[in-house]
Amino acid sequence: MNVDGATAWTCYYTDFPIVRVSEGKLTGWHNHVTGIKALAVSGSRAALYGGYGPDHDRLAVGLLDGDRFQQTGEYRLVLPGGAPLPPQALVIGRGACLHLLSGDDWYQLAISDLPRQPRS
């Protein structure tokens, strides 16, 4: 779940649709990415973190287009310097940012920091 002002976002088990609750209205987008643990949204851009098994550190980025999430990129979320995320790291979405808490360290990743176009 992500809360941004008076708007709440969620992406829930089993089909992991992206759902926005705003002003008493539900809006949803179909999604093929599964195992999502956190999401961040900015306008029509969304970043979905997590997955099952080897995709535990996946970051899927894309656009909310019509009634679907159109994925434009996929990355691995790592610590600064490239080290893998520790298993106990906690990732939370708030507004347009993902917050990563690991031990005494707090990192932030904004959707605006992510590439807009697919990687070649």
N, C-alpha and C. Protein backbone atom coordinates (compact mmCIF):
# COMPACT_ATOMS: atom_id res chain seq x y z
N MET A 1 0.84 -1.18 0.00
CA MET A 1 0.00 0.00 0.00
C MET A 1 0.88 1.24 0.00
N ASN A 2 0.42 2.27 -0.67
CA ASN A 2 1.09 3.55 -0.75
C ASN A 2 0.04 4.63 -0.53
N VAL A 3 0.38 5.61 0.27
CA VAL A 3 -0.53 6.73 0.50
C VAL A 3 0.17 8.01 0.06
N ASP A 4 -0.53 8.80 -0.74
CA ASP A 4 0.01 10.07 -1.23
C ASP A 4 -1.09 11.12 -1.07
N GLY A 5 -1.00 11.92 -0.01
CA GLY A 5 -2.06 12.88 0.29
C GLY A 5 -3.34 12.13 0.62
N ALA A 6 -4.42 12.43 -0.10
CA ALA A 6 -5.71 11.78 0.13
C ALA A 6 -5.92 10.58 -0.80
N THR A 7 -4.90 10.18 -1.52
CA THR A 7 -5.00 9.06 -2.45
C THR A 7 -4.25 7.85 -1.91
N ALA A 8 -4.89 6.69 -1.98
CA ALA A 8 -4.25 5.44 -1.57
C ALA A 8 -4.06 4.56 -2.81
N TRP A 9 -2.93 3.87 -2.86
CA TRP A 9 -2.60 2.95 -3.94
C TRP A 9 -2.34 1.58 -3.33
N THR A 10 -2.73 0.53 -4.02
CA THR A 10 -2.42 -0.81 -3.56
C THR A 10 -2.23 -1.74 -4.76
N CYS A 11 -1.60 -2.85 -4.50
CA CYS A 11 -1.33 -3.86 -5.51
C CYS A 11 -1.37 -5.19 -4.75
N TYR A 12 -2.46 -5.92 -4.84
CA TYR A 12 -2.70 -7.02 -3.92
C TYR A 12 -2.74 -8.39 -4.60
N TYR A 13 -2.52 -9.39 -3.78
CA TYR A 13 -2.53 -10.80 -4.15
C TYR A 13 -3.93 -11.19 -4.60
N THR A 14 -4.15 -11.95 -5.59
CA THR A 14 -3.32 -12.87 -6.32
C THR A 14 -2.95 -12.35 -7.71
N ASP A 15 -3.76 -11.51 -8.29
CA ASP A 15 -3.48 -11.03 -9.65
C ASP A 15 -2.66 -9.74 -9.65
N PHE A 16 -2.45 -9.12 -8.50
CA PHE A 16 -1.65 -7.91 -8.33
C PHE A 16 -2.08 -6.76 -9.23
N PRO A 17 -3.39 -6.48 -9.32
CA PRO A 17 -3.79 -5.28 -10.06
C PRO A 17 -3.30 -4.05 -9.31
N ILE A 18 -3.05 -2.98 -10.03
CA ILE A 18 -2.71 -1.71 -9.40
C ILE A 18 -4.03 -0.97 -9.22
N VAL A 19 -4.33 -0.57 -7.98
CA VAL A 19 -5.61 0.06 -7.68
C VAL A 19 -5.38 1.39 -6.97
N ARG A 20 -6.10 2.41 -7.44
CA ARG A 20 -6.06 3.73 -6.82
C ARG A 20 -7.42 4.01 -6.17
N VAL A 21 -7.38 4.49 -4.95
CA VAL A 21 -8.59 4.93 -4.25
C VAL A 21 -8.44 6.42 -4.03
N SER A 22 -9.30 7.20 -4.69
CA SER A 22 -9.22 8.66 -4.61
C SER A 22 -10.63 9.23 -4.65
N GLU A 23 -10.94 10.08 -3.69
CA GLU A 23 -12.25 10.74 -3.62
C GLU A 23 -13.39 9.73 -3.69
N GLY A 24 -13.23 8.58 -3.02
CA GLY A 24 -14.26 7.56 -2.97
C GLY A 24 -14.41 6.74 -4.24
N LYS A 25 -13.51 6.92 -5.20
CA LYS A 25 -13.60 6.21 -6.48
C LYS A 25 -12.42 5.25 -6.63
N LEU A 26 -12.70 4.03 -7.09
CA LEU A 26 -11.67 3.04 -7.39
C LEU A 26 -11.33 3.05 -8.87
N THR A 27 -10.04 3.04 -9.17
CA THR A 27 -9.57 2.92 -10.54
C THR A 27 -8.52 1.82 -10.54
N GLY A 28 -8.57 0.93 -11.54
CA GLY A 28 -7.63 -0.19 -11.55
C GLY A 28 -6.95 -0.39 -12.89
N TRP A 29 -5.76 -0.98 -12.82
CA TRP A 29 -4.97 -1.30 -14.00
C TRP A 29 -4.54 -2.76 -13.90
N HIS A 30 -4.80 -3.55 -14.93
CA HIS A 30 -4.34 -4.94 -14.98
C HIS A 30 -2.82 -4.93 -15.03
N ASN A 31 -2.23 -6.01 -14.51
CA ASN A 31 -0.78 -6.04 -14.34
C ASN A 31 -0.31 -7.48 -14.44
N HIS A 32 0.81 -7.73 -15.12
CA HIS A 32 1.35 -9.10 -15.22
C HIS A 32 2.50 -9.34 -14.24
N VAL A 33 2.95 -8.31 -13.52
CA VAL A 33 4.05 -8.44 -12.56
C VAL A 33 3.46 -9.00 -11.26
N THR A 34 4.07 -10.05 -10.70
CA THR A 34 3.54 -10.68 -9.49
C THR A 34 4.54 -10.57 -8.34
N GLY A 35 4.04 -10.79 -7.14
CA GLY A 35 4.89 -10.78 -5.95
C GLY A 35 5.29 -9.40 -5.49
N ILE A 36 4.55 -8.39 -5.83
CA ILE A 36 4.91 -7.01 -5.54
C ILE A 36 4.80 -6.75 -4.03
N LYS A 37 5.85 -6.13 -3.50
CA LYS A 37 5.90 -5.80 -2.08
C LYS A 37 5.74 -4.30 -1.82
N ALA A 38 6.06 -3.46 -2.82
CA ALA A 38 5.96 -2.01 -2.65
C ALA A 38 5.75 -1.38 -4.02
N LEU A 39 5.08 -0.22 -4.03
CA LEU A 39 4.91 0.50 -5.28
C LEU A 39 5.02 1.99 -5.02
N ALA A 40 5.46 2.69 -6.06
CA ALA A 40 5.53 4.15 -6.05
C ALA A 40 4.87 4.62 -7.34
N VAL A 41 4.17 5.76 -7.28
CA VAL A 41 3.44 6.26 -8.43
C VAL A 41 3.64 7.76 -8.54
N SER A 42 3.86 8.21 -9.79
CA SER A 42 3.98 9.64 -10.08
C SER A 42 3.27 9.90 -11.41
N GLY A 43 2.12 10.55 -11.35
CA GLY A 43 1.34 10.76 -12.56
C GLY A 43 0.96 9.42 -13.16
N SER A 44 1.34 9.17 -14.41
CA SER A 44 1.02 7.90 -15.07
C SER A 44 2.18 6.89 -14.97
N ARG A 45 3.27 7.26 -14.29
CA ARG A 45 4.41 6.35 -14.14
C ARG A 45 4.30 5.59 -12.82
N ALA A 46 4.70 4.32 -12.85
CA ALA A 46 4.67 3.49 -11.65
C ALA A 46 5.93 2.65 -11.58
N ALA A 47 6.37 2.38 -10.35
CA ALA A 47 7.50 1.48 -10.09
C ALA A 47 7.02 0.43 -9.11
N LEU A 48 7.18 -0.84 -9.49
CA LEU A 48 6.72 -1.97 -8.69
C LEU A 48 7.93 -2.74 -8.21
N TYR A 49 8.08 -2.89 -6.89
CA TYR A 49 9.24 -3.57 -6.32
C TYR A 49 8.84 -4.94 -5.79
N GLY A 50 9.69 -5.93 -6.09
CA GLY A 50 9.55 -7.26 -5.50
C GLY A 50 9.11 -8.30 -6.49
N GLY A 51 9.10 -9.52 -6.02
CA GLY A 51 8.70 -10.66 -6.82
C GLY A 51 9.02 -11.94 -6.07
N TYR A 52 8.74 -13.05 -6.69
CA TYR A 52 8.98 -14.35 -6.07
C TYR A 52 10.35 -14.89 -6.45
N GLY A 53 10.96 -15.64 -5.55
CA GLY A 53 12.24 -16.31 -5.81
C GLY A 53 13.31 -15.35 -6.29
N PRO A 54 13.88 -15.63 -7.48
CA PRO A 54 14.98 -14.79 -7.96
C PRO A 54 14.56 -13.35 -8.30
N ASP A 55 13.27 -13.09 -8.33
CA ASP A 55 12.78 -11.73 -8.61
C ASP A 55 12.53 -10.92 -7.34
N HIS A 56 13.04 -11.39 -6.20
CA HIS A 56 12.79 -10.70 -4.92
C HIS A 56 13.26 -9.24 -4.94
N ASP A 57 14.27 -8.92 -5.78
CA ASP A 57 14.80 -7.55 -5.83
C ASP A 57 14.47 -6.83 -7.14
N ARG A 58 13.48 -7.34 -7.86
CA ARG A 58 13.08 -6.76 -9.16
C ARG A 58 12.42 -5.40 -8.96
N LEU A 59 12.70 -4.49 -9.88
CA LEU A 59 12.03 -3.20 -9.95
C LEU A 59 11.48 -3.06 -11.36
N ALA A 60 10.17 -3.22 -11.49
CA ALA A 60 9.50 -3.08 -12.79
C ALA A 60 8.96 -1.65 -12.88
N VAL A 61 9.26 -0.99 -13.98
CA VAL A 61 8.88 0.40 -14.18
C VAL A 61 8.00 0.47 -15.43
N GLY A 62 6.97 1.30 -15.38
CA GLY A 62 6.12 1.41 -16.56
C GLY A 62 5.09 2.50 -16.44
N LEU A 63 4.12 2.43 -17.34
CA LEU A 63 3.08 3.45 -17.45
C LEU A 63 1.72 2.86 -17.16
N LEU A 64 0.88 3.64 -16.49
CA LEU A 64 -0.52 3.30 -16.31
C LEU A 64 -1.24 3.83 -17.55
N ASP A 65 -1.63 2.91 -18.42
CA ASP A 65 -2.14 3.28 -19.74
C ASP A 65 -3.47 2.58 -19.98
N GLY A 66 -4.54 3.37 -20.10
CA GLY A 66 -5.87 2.77 -20.25
C GLY A 66 -6.20 1.99 -18.99
N ASP A 67 -6.40 0.68 -19.15
CA ASP A 67 -6.68 -0.16 -17.98
C ASP A 67 -5.54 -1.13 -17.68
N ARG A 68 -4.32 -0.84 -18.20
CA ARG A 68 -3.19 -1.75 -18.04
C ARG A 68 -1.93 -1.02 -17.59
N PHE A 69 -1.07 -1.76 -16.88
CA PHE A 69 0.28 -1.32 -16.58
C PHE A 69 1.16 -1.79 -17.72
N GLN A 70 1.74 -0.86 -18.46
CA GLN A 70 2.62 -1.19 -19.59
C GLN A 70 4.06 -1.07 -19.12
N GLN A 71 4.71 -2.20 -18.91
CA GLN A 71 6.08 -2.19 -18.40
C GLN A 71 7.04 -1.68 -19.46
N THR A 72 7.90 -0.73 -19.08
CA THR A 72 8.88 -0.16 -20.00
C THR A 72 10.32 -0.51 -19.61
N GLY A 73 10.51 -1.04 -18.41
CA GLY A 73 11.86 -1.39 -17.97
C GLY A 73 11.82 -2.31 -16.77
N GLU A 74 12.91 -3.05 -16.59
CA GLU A 74 13.05 -3.92 -15.43
C GLU A 74 14.50 -3.86 -14.96
N TYR A 75 14.66 -3.70 -13.66
CA TYR A 75 15.97 -3.51 -13.06
C TYR A 75 16.08 -4.36 -11.81
N ARG A 76 17.24 -4.40 -11.20
CA ARG A 76 17.47 -5.04 -9.91
C ARG A 76 17.79 -3.93 -8.92
N LEU A 77 17.09 -3.88 -7.82
CA LEU A 77 17.34 -2.88 -6.79
C LEU A 77 18.51 -3.36 -5.94
N VAL A 78 19.56 -2.56 -5.88
CA VAL A 78 20.77 -2.87 -5.13
C VAL A 78 21.13 -1.68 -4.25
N LEU A 79 22.03 -1.90 -3.33
CA LEU A 79 22.53 -0.81 -2.49
C LEU A 79 23.51 0.05 -3.28
N PRO A 80 23.76 1.28 -2.83
CA PRO A 80 24.80 2.09 -3.48
C PRO A 80 26.10 1.28 -3.52
N GLY A 81 26.78 1.33 -4.63
CA GLY A 81 28.00 0.54 -4.81
C GLY A 81 27.73 -0.81 -5.44
N GLY A 82 26.44 -1.20 -5.60
CA GLY A 82 26.10 -2.43 -6.30
C GLY A 82 25.91 -3.66 -5.42
N ALA A 83 26.08 -3.54 -4.12
CA ALA A 83 25.88 -4.71 -3.25
C ALA A 83 24.40 -5.12 -3.26
N PRO A 84 24.13 -6.43 -3.19
CA PRO A 84 22.73 -6.86 -3.15
C PRO A 84 22.04 -6.40 -1.87
N LEU A 85 20.72 -6.29 -1.95
CA LEU A 85 19.95 -5.93 -0.77
C LEU A 85 20.04 -7.05 0.26
N PRO A 86 20.24 -6.71 1.52
CA PRO A 86 20.22 -7.73 2.56
C PRO A 86 18.80 -8.32 2.67
N PRO A 87 18.67 -9.59 3.02
CA PRO A 87 17.34 -10.20 3.11
C PRO A 87 16.39 -9.48 4.06
N GLN A 88 16.92 -8.84 5.09
CA GLN A 88 16.07 -8.15 6.07
C GLN A 88 15.73 -6.72 5.67
N ALA A 89 16.19 -6.25 4.51
CA ALA A 89 15.88 -4.89 4.06
C ALA A 89 14.38 -4.73 3.87
N LEU A 90 13.88 -3.56 4.22
CA LEU A 90 12.46 -3.24 4.09
C LEU A 90 12.31 -2.15 3.04
N VAL A 91 11.43 -2.37 2.06
CA VAL A 91 11.17 -1.38 1.02
C VAL A 91 9.70 -0.95 1.15
N ILE A 92 9.50 0.37 1.21
CA ILE A 92 8.17 0.94 1.41
C ILE A 92 7.96 2.02 0.35
N GLY A 93 6.79 2.06 -0.26
CA GLY A 93 6.45 3.11 -1.20
C GLY A 93 5.63 4.20 -0.54
N ARG A 94 5.99 5.45 -0.79
CA ARG A 94 5.23 6.62 -0.33
C ARG A 94 5.25 7.65 -1.45
N GLY A 95 4.09 7.92 -2.01
CA GLY A 95 4.02 8.86 -3.12
C GLY A 95 4.86 8.37 -4.28
N ALA A 96 5.73 9.23 -4.77
CA ALA A 96 6.57 8.92 -5.94
C ALA A 96 7.92 8.33 -5.56
N CYS A 97 8.10 7.92 -4.29
CA CYS A 97 9.40 7.40 -3.84
C CYS A 97 9.29 6.01 -3.22
N LEU A 98 10.35 5.24 -3.42
CA LEU A 98 10.54 4.01 -2.68
C LEU A 98 11.56 4.31 -1.60
N HIS A 99 11.29 3.88 -0.38
CA HIS A 99 12.19 4.05 0.76
C HIS A 99 12.72 2.68 1.14
N LEU A 100 14.04 2.56 1.23
CA LEU A 100 14.67 1.30 1.59
C LEU A 100 15.35 1.47 2.94
N LEU A 101 14.97 0.63 3.89
CA LEU A 101 15.55 0.65 5.23
C LEU A 101 16.36 -0.61 5.42
N SER A 102 17.65 -0.42 5.72
CA SER A 102 18.57 -1.55 5.91
C SER A 102 19.47 -1.22 7.09
N GLY A 103 19.27 -1.92 8.21
CA GLY A 103 20.05 -1.61 9.41
C GLY A 103 19.78 -0.18 9.83
N ASP A 104 20.84 0.60 9.98
CA ASP A 104 20.71 2.01 10.36
C ASP A 104 20.63 2.94 9.16
N ASP A 105 20.59 2.38 7.95
CA ASP A 105 20.62 3.19 6.73
C ASP A 105 19.23 3.32 6.12
N TRP A 106 18.99 4.52 5.56
CA TRP A 106 17.72 4.83 4.91
C TRP A 106 18.06 5.41 3.54
N TYR A 107 17.56 4.77 2.48
CA TYR A 107 17.79 5.22 1.11
C TYR A 107 16.44 5.55 0.48
N GLN A 108 16.47 6.47 -0.50
CA GLN A 108 15.27 6.82 -1.24
C GLN A 108 15.54 6.74 -2.73
N LEU A 109 14.56 6.26 -3.46
CA LEU A 109 14.63 6.21 -4.91
C LEU A 109 13.33 6.79 -5.45
N ALA A 110 13.43 7.92 -6.15
CA ALA A 110 12.25 8.57 -6.74
C ALA A 110 12.03 8.06 -8.16
N ILE A 111 10.78 8.00 -8.56
CA ILE A 111 10.48 7.60 -9.94
C ILE A 111 11.19 8.52 -10.92
N SER A 112 11.33 9.78 -10.59
CA SER A 112 12.02 10.73 -11.49
C SER A 112 13.49 10.38 -11.68
N ASP A 113 14.06 9.55 -10.80
CA ASP A 113 15.45 9.10 -10.96
C ASP A 113 15.59 7.93 -11.93
N LEU A 114 14.49 7.34 -12.34
CA LEU A 114 14.51 6.16 -13.19
C LEU A 114 14.38 6.55 -14.66
N PRO A 115 15.02 5.80 -15.56
CA PRO A 115 14.91 6.10 -16.99
C PRO A 115 13.47 6.06 -17.46
N ARG A 116 13.14 6.97 -18.37
CA ARG A 116 11.78 7.01 -18.92
C ARG A 116 11.60 6.03 -20.07
N GLN A 117 12.64 5.70 -20.76
CA GLN A 117 12.56 4.82 -21.92
C GLN A 117 13.15 3.45 -21.59
N PRO A 118 12.73 2.43 -22.32
CA PRO A 118 13.31 1.10 -22.10
C PRO A 118 14.80 1.10 -22.39
N ARG A 119 15.52 0.25 -21.64
CA ARG A 119 16.94 0.09 -21.91
C ARG A 119 17.12 -0.74 -23.17
N SER A 120 18.11 -0.40 -23.96
CA SER A 120 18.38 -1.15 -25.20
C SER A 120 19.35 -2.27 -24.93
